[in-house]
């Protein structure tokens, strides 16, 4: 089953050195997952200040700067993985370096027919 692991943390909780170490450890984790056939994708996101939100209400598009909601923790990146079950996905989420200062939300992906293949 495919799972999206969404990484949330307070951007300001990381020193530059901690963030760089987190990136290096995350790259190593992606290599480990790739070697085991579980890696589908991963990437950090630019800071929340670069976010743009789009809403359509009553047929009118509203574009605003920033994330959808003001929260203490922001979406900072993701891993897209293949895992046997939720327990296996939880084990992988626990290996993501950012979990030490934030939260990793695990969501199974739905399968839709008719989507283009990668």
PDB file of N, CA and C in Angstrom:
ATOM      1  N   UNK A   1       0.845  -1.176   0.000  1.00  0.00           N
ATOM      2  CA  UNK A   1       0.000   0.000   0.000  1.00  0.00           C
ATOM      3  C   UNK A   1       0.889   1.238   0.000  1.00  0.00           C
ATOM      4  N   UNK A   2       0.434   2.276  -0.663  1.00  0.00           N
ATOM      5  CA  UNK A   2       1.174   3.537  -0.698  1.00  0.00           C
ATOM      6  C   UNK A   2       0.710   4.438   0.441  1.00  0.00           C
ATOM      7  N   UNK A   3       1.682   5.092   1.062  1.00  0.00           N
ATOM      8  CA  UNK A   3       1.395   6.018   2.160  1.00  0.00           C
ATOM      9  C   UNK A   3       2.118   7.332   1.917  1.00  0.00           C
ATOM     10  N   UNK A   4       1.454   8.433   2.256  1.00  0.00           N
ATOM     11  CA  UNK A   4       2.072   9.751   2.267  1.00  0.00           C
ATOM     12  C   UNK A   4       2.393  10.058   3.723  1.00  0.00           C
ATOM     13  N   UNK A   5       3.655  10.365   3.981  1.00  0.00           N
ATOM     14  CA  UNK A   5       4.090  10.757   5.315  1.00  0.00           C
ATOM     15  C   UNK A   5       4.318  12.261   5.278  1.00  0.00           C
ATOM     16  N   UNK A   6       3.441  13.008   5.909  1.00  0.00           N
ATOM     17  CA  UNK A   6       3.478  14.471   5.895  1.00  0.00           C
ATOM     18  C   UNK A   6       4.204  14.957   7.137  1.00  0.00           C
ATOM     19  N   UNK A   7       5.222  15.762   6.937  1.00  0.00           N
ATOM     20  CA  UNK A   7       6.094  16.194   8.026  1.00  0.00           C
ATOM     21  C   UNK A   7       5.721  17.612   8.444  1.00  0.00           C
ATOM     22  N   UNK A   8       5.322  17.764   9.699  1.00  0.00           N
ATOM     23  CA  UNK A   8       4.953  19.061  10.255  1.00  0.00           C
ATOM     24  C   UNK A   8       5.920  19.434  11.370  1.00  0.00           C
ATOM     25  N   UNK A   9       6.379  20.667  11.367  1.00  0.00           N
ATOM     26  CA  UNK A   9       7.172  21.165  12.489  1.00  0.00           C
ATOM     27  C   UNK A   9       7.159  22.681  12.465  1.00  0.00           C
ATOM     28  N   UNK A  10       7.629  23.264  13.538  1.00  0.00           N
ATOM     29  CA  UNK A  10       7.778  24.713  13.628  1.00  0.00           C
ATOM     30  C   UNK A  10       9.077  25.070  12.911  1.00  0.00           C
ATOM     31  N   UNK A  11       8.973  25.803  11.824  1.00  0.00           N
ATOM     32  CA  UNK A  11      10.167  26.162  11.043  1.00  0.00           C
ATOM     33  C   UNK A  11      11.233  26.856  11.882  1.00  0.00           C
ATOM     34  N   UNK A  12      10.796  27.605  12.868  1.00  0.00           N
ATOM     35  CA  UNK A  12      11.733  28.382  13.672  1.00  0.00           C
ATOM     36  C   UNK A  12      12.403  27.560  14.773  1.00  0.00           C
ATOM     37  N   UNK A  13      12.033  26.294  14.899  1.00  0.00           N
ATOM     38  CA  UNK A  13      12.603  25.448  15.946  1.00  0.00           C
ATOM     39  C   UNK A  13      13.959  24.863  15.543  1.00  0.00           C
ATOM     40  N   UNK A  14      14.348  25.052  14.295  1.00  0.00           N
ATOM     41  CA  UNK A  14      15.564  24.436  13.757  1.00  0.00           C
ATOM     42  C   UNK A  14      16.664  25.466  13.553  1.00  0.00           C
ATOM     43  N   UNK A  15      17.847  25.181  14.073  1.00  0.00           N
ATOM     44  CA  UNK A  15      19.010  26.006  13.718  1.00  0.00           C
ATOM     45  C   UNK A  15      19.436  25.597  12.305  1.00  0.00           C
ATOM     46  N   UNK A  16      20.254  26.405  11.668  1.00  0.00           N
ATOM     47  CA  UNK A  16      20.732  26.070  10.321  1.00  0.00           C
ATOM     48  C   UNK A  16      21.491  24.747  10.327  1.00  0.00           C
ATOM     49  N   UNK A  17      22.291  24.514  11.346  1.00  0.00           N
ATOM     50  CA  UNK A  17      23.059  23.266  11.443  1.00  0.00           C
ATOM     51  C   UNK A  17      22.127  22.071  11.643  1.00  0.00           C
ATOM     52  N   UNK A  18      21.104  22.233  12.480  1.00  0.00           N
ATOM     53  CA  UNK A  18      20.152  21.146  12.700  1.00  0.00           C
ATOM     54  C   UNK A  18      19.382  20.825  11.419  1.00  0.00           C
ATOM     55  N   UNK A  19      18.996  21.852  10.696  1.00  0.00           N
ATOM     56  CA  UNK A  19      18.254  21.653   9.458  1.00  0.00           C
ATOM     57  C   UNK A  19      19.124  20.925   8.422  1.00  0.00           C
ATOM     58  N   UNK A  20      20.369  21.318   8.312  1.00  0.00           N
ATOM     59  CA  UNK A  20      21.274  20.655   7.367  1.00  0.00           C
ATOM     60  C   UNK A  20      21.478  19.195   7.754  1.00  0.00           C
ATOM     61  N   UNK A  21      21.650  18.917   9.042  1.00  0.00           N
ATOM     62  CA  UNK A  21      21.816  17.532   9.503  1.00  0.00           C
ATOM     63  C   UNK A  21      20.535  16.730   9.226  1.00  0.00           C
ATOM     64  N   UNK A  22      19.391  17.343   9.433  1.00  0.00           N
ATOM     65  CA  UNK A  22      18.111  16.689   9.152  1.00  0.00           C
ATOM     66  C   UNK A  22      18.018  16.328   7.672  1.00  0.00           C
ATOM     67  N   UNK A  23      18.416  17.242   6.790  1.00  0.00           N
ATOM     68  CA  UNK A  23      18.388  16.974   5.354  1.00  0.00           C
ATOM     69  C   UNK A  23      19.320  15.813   5.010  1.00  0.00           C
ATOM     70  N   UNK A  24      20.520  15.817   5.563  1.00  0.00           N
ATOM     71  CA  UNK A  24      21.479  14.745   5.281  1.00  0.00           C
ATOM     72  C   UNK A  24      20.940  13.399   5.754  1.00  0.00           C
ATOM     73  N   UNK A  25      20.376  13.358   6.948  1.00  0.00           N
ATOM     74  CA  UNK A  25      19.820  12.110   7.476  1.00  0.00           C
ATOM     75  C   UNK A  25      18.597  11.672   6.669  1.00  0.00           C
ATOM     76  N   UNK A  26      17.818  12.627   6.185  1.00  0.00           N
ATOM     77  CA  UNK A  26      16.652  12.299   5.361  1.00  0.00           C
ATOM     78  C   UNK A  26      17.080  11.708   4.026  1.00  0.00           C
ATOM     79  N   UNK A  27      18.140  12.248   3.437  1.00  0.00           N
ATOM     80  CA  UNK A  27      18.659  11.699   2.186  1.00  0.00           C
ATOM     81  C   UNK A  27      19.116  10.258   2.407  1.00  0.00           C
ATOM     82  N   UNK A  28      19.776  10.003   3.532  1.00  0.00           N
ATOM     83  CA  UNK A  28      20.205   8.633   3.827  1.00  0.00           C
ATOM     84  C   UNK A  28      18.998   7.709   3.981  1.00  0.00           C
ATOM     85  N   UNK A  29      17.953   8.202   4.635  1.00  0.00           N
ATOM     86  CA  UNK A  29      16.746   7.397   4.782  1.00  0.00           C
ATOM     87  C   UNK A  29      16.140   7.081   3.412  1.00  0.00           C
ATOM     88  N   UNK A  30      16.116   8.058   2.505  1.00  0.00           N
ATOM     89  CA  UNK A  30      15.574   7.790   1.170  1.00  0.00           C
ATOM     90  C   UNK A  30      16.410   6.723   0.459  1.00  0.00           C
ATOM     91  N   UNK A  31      17.715   6.751   0.655  1.00  0.00           N
ATOM     92  CA  UNK A  31      18.575   5.728   0.047  1.00  0.00           C
ATOM     93  C   UNK A  31      18.248   4.349   0.626  1.00  0.00           C
ATOM     94  N   UNK A  32      18.053   4.268   1.932  1.00  0.00           N
ATOM     95  CA  UNK A  32      17.694   3.006   2.579  1.00  0.00           C
ATOM     96  C   UNK A  32      16.346   2.496   2.067  1.00  0.00           C
ATOM     97  N   UNK A  33      15.367   3.396   1.972  1.00  0.00           N
ATOM     98  CA  UNK A  33      14.044   3.010   1.485  1.00  0.00           C
ATOM     99  C   UNK A  33      14.104   2.579   0.026  1.00  0.00           C
ATOM    100  N   UNK A  34      14.912   3.270  -0.776  1.00  0.00           N
ATOM    101  CA  UNK A  34      15.070   2.908  -2.187  1.00  0.00           C
ATOM    102  C   UNK A  34      15.658   1.501  -2.305  1.00  0.00           C
ATOM    103  N   UNK A  35      16.650   1.219  -1.497  1.00  0.00           N
ATOM    104  CA  UNK A  35      17.302  -0.096  -1.532  1.00  0.00           C
ATOM    105  C   UNK A  35      16.331  -1.216  -1.166  1.00  0.00           C
ATOM    106  N   UNK A  36      15.334  -0.917  -0.330  1.00  0.00           N
ATOM    107  CA  UNK A  36      14.363  -1.932   0.076  1.00  0.00           C
ATOM    108  C   UNK A  36      13.099  -1.915  -0.793  1.00  0.00           C
ATOM    109  N   UNK A  37      13.074  -1.051  -1.829  1.00  0.00           N
ATOM    110  CA  UNK A  37      11.927  -0.984  -2.724  1.00  0.00           C
ATOM    111  C   UNK A  37      10.735  -0.236  -2.168  1.00  0.00           C
ATOM    112  N   UNK A  38      10.940   0.567  -1.136  1.00  0.00           N
ATOM    113  CA  UNK A  38       9.824   1.274  -0.499  1.00  0.00           C
ATOM    114  C   UNK A  38       9.768   2.758  -0.849  1.00  0.00           C
ATOM    115  N   UNK A  39      10.790   3.286  -1.498  1.00  0.00           N
ATOM    116  CA  UNK A  39      10.858   4.717  -1.785  1.00  0.00           C
ATOM    117  C   UNK A  39      10.087   5.049  -3.057  1.00  0.00           C
ATOM    118  N   UNK A  40       9.171   5.997  -2.968  1.00  0.00           N
ATOM    119  CA  UNK A  40       8.440   6.494  -4.130  1.00  0.00           C
ATOM    120  C   UNK A  40       8.719   7.971  -4.382  1.00  0.00           C
ATOM    121  N   UNK A  41       9.088   8.724  -3.345  1.00  0.00           N
ATOM    122  CA  UNK A  41       9.389  10.138  -3.500  1.00  0.00           C
ATOM    123  C   UNK A  41       9.532  10.798  -2.143  1.00  0.00           C
ATOM    124  N   UNK A  42      10.214  11.927  -2.117  1.00  0.00           N
ATOM    125  CA  UNK A  42      10.363  12.707  -0.889  1.00  0.00           C
ATOM    126  C   UNK A  42      10.907  14.077  -1.258  1.00  0.00           C
ATOM    127  N   UNK A  43      10.569  15.065  -0.451  1.00  0.00           N
ATOM    128  CA  UNK A  43      11.122  16.395  -0.667  1.00  0.00           C
ATOM    129  C   UNK A  43      10.775  17.308   0.497  1.00  0.00           C
ATOM    130  N   UNK A  44      11.733  18.158   0.894  1.00  0.00           N
ATOM    131  CA  UNK A  44      11.370  19.233   1.816  1.00  0.00           C
ATOM    132  C   UNK A  44      10.658  20.324   1.020  1.00  0.00           C
ATOM    133  N   UNK A  45       9.932  21.158   1.718  1.00  0.00           N
ATOM    134  CA  UNK A  45       9.255  22.289   1.092  1.00  0.00           C
ATOM    135  C   UNK A  45       9.968  23.582   1.464  1.00  0.00           C
ATOM    136  N   UNK A  46       9.831  24.584   0.612  1.00  0.00           N
ATOM    137  CA  UNK A  46      10.356  25.903   0.954  1.00  0.00           C
ATOM    138  C   UNK A  46       9.575  26.434   2.157  1.00  0.00           C
ATOM    139  N   UNK A  47      10.091  27.448   2.855  1.00  0.00           N
ATOM    140  CA  UNK A  47       9.406  27.982   4.047  1.00  0.00           C
ATOM    141  C   UNK A  47       7.963  28.394   3.761  1.00  0.00           C
ATOM    142  N   UNK A  48       7.168  28.384   4.809  1.00  0.00           N
ATOM    143  CA  UNK A  48       5.743  28.676   4.696  1.00  0.00           C
ATOM    144  C   UNK A  48       5.495  30.081   4.138  1.00  0.00           C
ATOM    145  N   UNK A  49       6.458  30.980   4.300  1.00  0.00           N
ATOM    146  CA  UNK A  49       6.304  32.335   3.762  1.00  0.00           C
ATOM    147  C   UNK A  49       6.206  32.338   2.237  1.00  0.00           C
ATOM    148  N   UNK A  50       6.622  31.262   1.583  1.00  0.00           N
ATOM    149  CA  UNK A  50       6.550  31.182   0.125  1.00  0.00           C
ATOM    150  C   UNK A  50       5.249  30.554  -0.360  1.00  0.00           C
ATOM    151  N   UNK A  51       4.384  30.137   0.570  1.00  0.00           N
ATOM    152  CA  UNK A  51       3.144  29.436   0.208  1.00  0.00           C
ATOM    153  C   UNK A  51       2.119  30.383  -0.395  1.00  0.00           C
ATOM    154  N   UNK A  52       1.310  29.832  -1.270  1.00  0.00           N
ATOM    155  CA  UNK A  52       0.162  30.521  -1.848  1.00  0.00           C
ATOM    156  C   UNK A  52      -1.029  29.585  -1.724  1.00  0.00           C
ATOM    157  N   UNK A  53      -2.154  30.101  -1.283  1.00  0.00           N
ATOM    158  CA  UNK A  53      -3.366  29.300  -1.156  1.00  0.00           C
ATOM    159  C   UNK A  53      -4.402  29.767  -2.164  1.00  0.00           C
ATOM    160  N   UNK A  54      -5.111  28.822  -2.759  1.00  0.00           N
ATOM    161  CA  UNK A  54      -6.152  29.118  -3.744  1.00  0.00           C
ATOM    162  C   UNK A  54      -7.460  28.523  -3.249  1.00  0.00           C
ATOM    163  N   UNK A  55      -8.497  29.346  -3.288  1.00  0.00           N
ATOM    164  CA  UNK A  55      -9.839  28.893  -2.940  1.00  0.00           C
ATOM    165  C   UNK A  55     -10.781  29.351  -4.046  1.00  0.00           C
ATOM    166  N   UNK A  56     -11.822  28.596  -4.286  1.00  0.00           N
ATOM    167  CA  UNK A  56     -12.866  29.031  -5.210  1.00  0.00           C
ATOM    168  C   UNK A  56     -14.164  29.011  -4.430  1.00  0.00           C
ATOM    169  N   UNK A  57     -14.803  30.159  -4.348  1.00  0.00           N
ATOM    170  CA  UNK A  57     -16.075  30.310  -3.638  1.00  0.00           C
ATOM    171  C   UNK A  57     -17.051  31.026  -4.561  1.00  0.00           C
ATOM    172  N   UNK A  58     -18.212  30.452  -4.721  1.00  0.00           N
ATOM    173  CA  UNK A  58     -19.237  31.033  -5.597  1.00  0.00           C
ATOM    174  C   UNK A  58     -18.672  31.321  -6.977  1.00  0.00           C
ATOM    175  N   UNK A  59     -17.830  30.411  -7.465  1.00  0.00           N
ATOM    176  CA  UNK A  59     -17.270  30.544  -8.810  1.00  0.00           C
ATOM    177  C   UNK A  59     -16.150  31.558  -8.942  1.00  0.00           C
ATOM    178  N   UNK A  60     -15.738  32.172  -7.845  1.00  0.00           N
ATOM    179  CA  UNK A  60     -14.676  33.173  -7.892  1.00  0.00           C
ATOM    180  C   UNK A  60     -13.432  32.638  -7.210  1.00  0.00           C
ATOM    181  N   UNK A  61     -12.305  32.822  -7.882  1.00  0.00           N
ATOM    182  CA  UNK A  61     -11.032  32.357  -7.335  1.00  0.00           C
ATOM    183  C   UNK A  61     -10.438  33.420  -6.421  1.00  0.00           C
ATOM    184  N   UNK A  62     -10.000  32.983  -5.246  1.00  0.00           N
ATOM    185  CA  UNK A  62      -9.342  33.858  -4.284  1.00  0.00           C
ATOM    186  C   UNK A  62      -7.949  33.287  -4.033  1.00  0.00           C
ATOM    187  N   UNK A  63      -6.936  34.089  -4.305  1.00  0.00           N
ATOM    188  CA  UNK A  63      -5.547  33.682  -4.115  1.00  0.00           C
ATOM    189  C   UNK A  63      -4.967  34.514  -2.986  1.00  0.00           C
ATOM    190  N   UNK A  64      -4.408  33.852  -1.981  1.00  0.00           N
ATOM    191  CA  UNK A  64      -3.816  34.556  -0.848  1.00  0.00           C
ATOM    192  C   UNK A  64      -2.417  34.026  -0.582  1.00  0.00           C
ATOM    193  N   UNK A  65      -1.589  34.872  -0.023  1.00  0.00           N
ATOM    194  CA  UNK A  65      -0.258  34.451   0.390  1.00  0.00           C
ATOM    195  C   UNK A  65      -0.376  33.632   1.657  1.00  0.00           C
ATOM    196  N   UNK A  66       0.521  32.684   1.802  1.00  0.00           N
ATOM    197  CA  UNK A  66       0.601  31.926   3.043  1.00  0.00           C
ATOM    198  C   UNK A  66      -0.180  30.637   3.000  1.00  0.00           C
ATOM    199  N   UNK A  67      -0.085  29.894   4.087  1.00  0.00           N
ATOM    200  CA  UNK A  67      -0.761  28.600   4.173  1.00  0.00           C
ATOM    201  C   UNK A  67      -2.253  28.764   4.398  1.00  0.00           C
ATOM    202  N   UNK A  68      -2.962  27.656   4.286  1.00  0.00           N
ATOM    203  CA  UNK A  68      -4.415  27.656   4.464  1.00  0.00           C
ATOM    204  C   UNK A  68      -4.814  28.097   5.861  1.00  0.00           C
ATOM    205  N   UNK A  69      -4.082  27.641   6.868  1.00  0.00           N
ATOM    206  CA  UNK A  69      -4.439  27.958   8.254  1.00  0.00           C
ATOM    207  C   UNK A  69      -3.190  28.343   9.033  1.00  0.00           C
ATOM    208  N   UNK A  70      -3.356  29.240   9.966  1.00  0.00           N
ATOM    209  CA  UNK A  70      -2.252  29.604  10.852  1.00  0.00           C
ATOM    210  C   UNK A  70      -2.151  28.542  11.942  1.00  0.00           C
ATOM    211  N   UNK A  71      -1.010  27.887  12.008  1.00  0.00           N
ATOM    212  CA  UNK A  71      -0.787  26.868  13.025  1.00  0.00           C
ATOM    213  C   UNK A  71       0.627  27.005  13.555  1.00  0.00           C
ATOM    214  N   UNK A  72       0.883  26.364  14.679  1.00  0.00           N
ATOM    215  CA  UNK A  72       2.225  26.388  15.260  1.00  0.00           C
ATOM    216  C   UNK A  72       3.179  25.550  14.417  1.00  0.00           C
ATOM    217  N   UNK A  73       2.692  24.432  13.896  1.00  0.00           N
ATOM    218  CA  UNK A  73       3.506  23.576  13.044  1.00  0.00           C
ATOM    219  C   UNK A  73       3.037  23.712  11.605  1.00  0.00           C
ATOM    220  N   UNK A  74       3.991  23.789  10.693  1.00  0.00           N
ATOM    221  CA  UNK A  74       3.671  23.918   9.284  1.00  0.00           C
ATOM    222  C   UNK A  74       4.120  22.668   8.529  1.00  0.00           C
ATOM    223  N   UNK A  75       3.465  22.405   7.399  1.00  0.00           N
ATOM    224  CA  UNK A  75       3.870  21.319   6.532  1.00  0.00           C
ATOM    225  C   UNK A  75       5.235  21.662   5.958  1.00  0.00           C
ATOM    226  N   UNK A  76       6.216  20.817   6.234  1.00  0.00           N
ATOM    227  CA  UNK A  76       7.582  21.128   5.826  1.00  0.00           C
ATOM    228  C   UNK A  76       8.148  20.192   4.783  1.00  0.00           C
ATOM    229  N   UNK A  77       7.467  19.090   4.523  1.00  0.00           N
ATOM    230  CA  UNK A  77       7.959  18.145   3.532  1.00  0.00           C
ATOM    231  C   UNK A  77       7.155  16.861   3.586  1.00  0.00           C
ATOM    232  N   UNK A  78       7.592  15.902   2.764  1.00  0.00           N
ATOM    233  CA  UNK A  78       6.860  14.641   2.701  1.00  0.00           C
ATOM    234  C   UNK A  78       7.765  13.509   2.254  1.00  0.00           C
ATOM    235  N   UNK A  79       7.347  12.311   2.569  1.00  0.00           N
ATOM    236  CA  UNK A  79       7.877  11.083   2.005  1.00  0.00           C
ATOM    237  C   UNK A  79       6.686  10.355   1.392  1.00  0.00           C
ATOM    238  N   UNK A  80       6.852   9.813   0.217  1.00  0.00           N
ATOM    239  CA  UNK A  80       5.850   8.952  -0.401  1.00  0.00           C
ATOM    240  C   UNK A  80       6.474   7.566  -0.443  1.00  0.00           C
ATOM    241  N   UNK A  81       5.818   6.619   0.242  1.00  0.00           N
ATOM    242  CA  UNK A  81       6.431   5.303   0.418  1.00  0.00           C
ATOM    243  C   UNK A  81       5.472   4.177   0.033  1.00  0.00           C
ATOM    244  N   UNK A  82       6.039   3.017  -0.139  1.00  0.00           N
ATOM    245  CA  UNK A  82       5.295   1.769  -0.273  1.00  0.00           C
ATOM    246  C   UNK A  82       5.569   0.991   1.008  1.00  0.00           C
ATOM    247  N   UNK A  83       4.521   0.578   1.703  1.00  0.00           N
ATOM    248  CA  UNK A  83       4.690  -0.176   2.941  1.00  0.00           C
ATOM    249  C   UNK A  83       3.663  -1.303   2.978  1.00  0.00           C
ATOM    250  N   UNK A  84       4.028  -2.382   3.627  1.00  0.00           N
ATOM    251  CA  UNK A  84       3.161  -3.557   3.712  1.00  0.00           C
ATOM    252  C   UNK A  84       1.847  -3.233   4.407  1.00  0.00           C
ATOM    253  N   UNK A  85       1.929  -2.408   5.466  1.00  0.00           N
ATOM    254  CA  UNK A  85       0.738  -2.069   6.233  1.00  0.00           C
ATOM    255  C   UNK A  85       1.032  -0.825   7.069  1.00  0.00           C
ATOM    256  N   UNK A  86       0.043  -0.399   7.852  1.00  0.00           N
ATOM    257  CA  UNK A  86       0.199   0.804   8.664  1.00  0.00           C
ATOM    258  C   UNK A  86       1.343   0.662   9.656  1.00  0.00           C
ATOM    259  N   UNK A  87       1.505  -0.509  10.249  1.00  0.00           N
ATOM    260  CA  UNK A  87       2.604  -0.697  11.201  1.00  0.00           C
ATOM    261  C   UNK A  87       3.956  -0.454  10.547  1.00  0.00           C
ATOM    262  N   UNK A  88       4.127  -0.930   9.322  1.00  0.00           N
ATOM    263  CA  UNK A  88       5.381  -0.703   8.603  1.00  0.00           C
ATOM    264  C   UNK A  88       5.553   0.779   8.287  1.00  0.00           C
ATOM    265  N   UNK A  89       4.472   1.467   7.932  1.00  0.00           N
ATOM    266  CA  UNK A  89       4.536   2.907   7.666  1.00  0.00           C
ATOM    267  C   UNK A  89       4.889   3.676   8.937  1.00  0.00           C
ATOM    268  N   UNK A  90       4.343   3.244  10.069  1.00  0.00           N
ATOM    269  CA  UNK A  90       4.657   3.884  11.344  1.00  0.00           C
ATOM    270  C   UNK A  90       6.136   3.719  11.667  1.00  0.00           C
ATOM    271  N   UNK A  91       6.672   2.537  11.404  1.00  0.00           N
ATOM    272  CA  UNK A  91       8.098   2.299  11.660  1.00  0.00           C
ATOM    273  C   UNK A  91       8.965   3.222  10.813  1.00  0.00           C
ATOM    274  N   UNK A  92       8.589   3.429   9.564  1.00  0.00           N
ATOM    275  CA  UNK A  92       9.348   4.339   8.694  1.00  0.00           C
ATOM    276  C   UNK A  92       9.197   5.773   9.181  1.00  0.00           C
ATOM    277  N   UNK A  93       7.982   6.174   9.541  1.00  0.00           N
ATOM    278  CA  UNK A  93       7.757   7.541  10.034  1.00  0.00           C
ATOM    279  C   UNK A  93       8.629   7.832  11.243  1.00  0.00           C
ATOM    280  N   UNK A  94       8.823   6.837  12.090  1.00  0.00           N
ATOM    281  CA  UNK A  94       9.661   7.008  13.273  1.00  0.00           C
ATOM    282  C   UNK A  94      11.131   7.197  12.950  1.00  0.00           C
ATOM    283  N   UNK A  95      11.530   6.878  11.722  1.00  0.00           N
ATOM    284  CA  UNK A  95      12.921   7.043  11.287  1.00  0.00           C
ATOM    285  C   UNK A  95      13.166   8.394  10.612  1.00  0.00           C
ATOM    286  N   UNK A  96      12.117   9.149  10.330  1.00  0.00           N
ATOM    287  CA  UNK A  96      12.283  10.457   9.688  1.00  0.00           C
ATOM    288  C   UNK A  96      12.887  11.411  10.709  1.00  0.00           C
ATOM    289  N   UNK A  97      14.030  12.015  10.411  1.00  0.00           N
ATOM    290  CA  UNK A  97      14.718  12.853  11.397  1.00  0.00           C
ATOM    291  C   UNK A  97      13.857  13.988  11.966  1.00  0.00           C
ATOM    292  N   UNK A  98      12.988  14.574  11.171  1.00  0.00           N
ATOM    293  CA  UNK A  98      12.186  15.714  11.627  1.00  0.00           C
ATOM    294  C   UNK A  98      11.181  15.344  12.701  1.00  0.00           C
ATOM    295  N   UNK A  99      10.911  14.054  12.888  1.00  0.00           N
ATOM    296  CA  UNK A  99       9.947  13.650  13.910  1.00  0.00           C
ATOM    297  C   UNK A  99      10.444  14.030  15.310  1.00  0.00           C
ATOM    298  N   UNK A 100      11.755  14.256  15.452  1.00  0.00           N
ATOM    299  CA  UNK A 100      12.317  14.631  16.751  1.00  0.00           C
ATOM    300  C   UNK A 100      11.836  15.999  17.220  1.00  0.00           C
ATOM    301  N   UNK A 101      11.435  16.862  16.287  1.00  0.00           N
ATOM    302  CA  UNK A 101      10.969  18.202  16.663  1.00  0.00           C
ATOM    303  C   UNK A 101       9.575  18.503  16.142  1.00  0.00           C
ATOM    304  N   UNK A 102       8.939  17.530  15.538  1.00  0.00           N
ATOM    305  CA  UNK A 102       7.636  17.797  14.949  1.00  0.00           C
ATOM    306  C   UNK A 102       6.753  16.570  14.964  1.00  0.00           C
ATOM    307  N   UNK A 103       5.914  16.473  13.954  1.00  0.00           N
ATOM    308  CA  UNK A 103       4.928  15.412  13.832  1.00  0.00           C
ATOM    309  C   UNK A 103       4.961  14.874  12.411  1.00  0.00           C
ATOM    310  N   UNK A 104       4.813  13.573  12.272  1.00  0.00           N
ATOM    311  CA  UNK A 104       4.655  12.980  10.949  1.00  0.00           C
ATOM    312  C   UNK A 104       3.257  12.386  10.880  1.00  0.00           C
ATOM    313  N   UNK A 105       2.460  12.906   9.976  1.00  0.00           N
ATOM    314  CA  UNK A 105       1.104  12.405   9.742  1.00  0.00           C
ATOM    315  C   UNK A 105       1.174  11.347   8.645  1.00  0.00           C
ATOM    316  N   UNK A 106       0.567  10.207   8.879  1.00  0.00           N
ATOM    317  CA  UNK A 106       0.576   9.102   7.920  1.00  0.00           C
ATOM    318  C   UNK A 106      -0.803   8.993   7.297  1.00  0.00           C
ATOM    319  N   UNK A 107      -0.837   9.048   5.961  1.00  0.00           N
ATOM    320  CA  UNK A 107      -2.115   8.942   5.259  1.00  0.00           C
ATOM    321  C   UNK A 107      -1.986   7.937   4.130  1.00  0.00           C
ATOM    322  N   UNK A 108      -2.855   6.912   4.101  1.00  0.00           N
ATOM    323  CA  UNK A 108      -2.838   5.990   2.961  1.00  0.00           C
ATOM    324  C   UNK A 108      -3.379   6.705   1.725  1.00  0.00           C
ATOM    325  N   UNK A 109      -2.817   6.373   0.583  1.00  0.00           N
ATOM    326  CA  UNK A 109      -3.284   6.951  -0.671  1.00  0.00           C
ATOM    327  C   UNK A 109      -4.442   6.145  -1.204  1.00  0.00           C
ATOM    328  N   UNK A 110      -5.403   6.840  -1.766  1.00  0.00           N
ATOM    329  CA  UNK A 110      -6.514   6.183  -2.452  1.00  0.00           C
ATOM    330  C   UNK A 110      -6.080   5.880  -3.884  1.00  0.00           C
ATOM    331  N   UNK A 111      -6.635   4.823  -4.434  1.00  0.00           N
ATOM    332  CA  UNK A 111      -6.368   4.478  -5.827  1.00  0.00           C
ATOM    333  C   UNK A 111      -7.528   4.937  -6.685  1.00  0.00           C
ATOM    334  N   UNK A 112      -7.242   5.734  -7.701  1.00  0.00           N
ATOM    335  CA  UNK A 112      -8.255   6.190  -8.633  1.00  0.00           C
ATOM    336  C   UNK A 112      -7.927   5.645 -10.011  1.00  0.00           C
ATOM    337  N   UNK A 113      -8.909   5.107 -10.678  1.00  0.00           N
ATOM    338  CA  UNK A 113      -8.676   4.646 -12.034  1.00  0.00           C
ATOM    339  C   UNK A 113      -8.668   5.839 -12.979  1.00  0.00           C
ATOM    340  N   UNK A 114      -7.925   5.718 -14.040  1.00  0.00           N
ATOM    341  CA  UNK A 114      -7.896   6.772 -15.056  1.00  0.00           C
ATOM    342  C   UNK A 114      -6.795   7.783 -14.874  1.00  0.00           C
ATOM    343  N   UNK A 115      -6.035   7.704 -13.776  1.00  0.00           N
ATOM    344  CA  UNK A 115      -4.932   8.647 -13.586  1.00  0.00           C
ATOM    345  C   UNK A 115      -3.779   8.273 -14.509  1.00  0.00           C
ATOM    346  N   UNK A 116      -3.053   9.252 -15.029  1.00  0.00           N
ATOM    347  CA  UNK A 116      -1.895   8.915 -15.848  1.00  0.00           C
ATOM    348  C   UNK A 116      -0.805   8.265 -14.992  1.00  0.00           C
ATOM    349  N   UNK A 117      -0.070   7.360 -15.583  1.00  0.00           N
ATOM    350  CA  UNK A 117       1.033   6.748 -14.843  1.00  0.00           C
ATOM    351  C   UNK A 117       2.248   7.638 -14.925  1.00  0.00           C
ATOM    352  N   UNK A 118       3.128   7.482 -13.947  1.00  0.00           N
ATOM    353  CA  UNK A 118       4.341   8.304 -13.897  1.00  0.00           C
ATOM    354  C   UNK A 118       5.195   7.972 -15.014  1.00  0.00           C
TER     355      UNK A 118
END
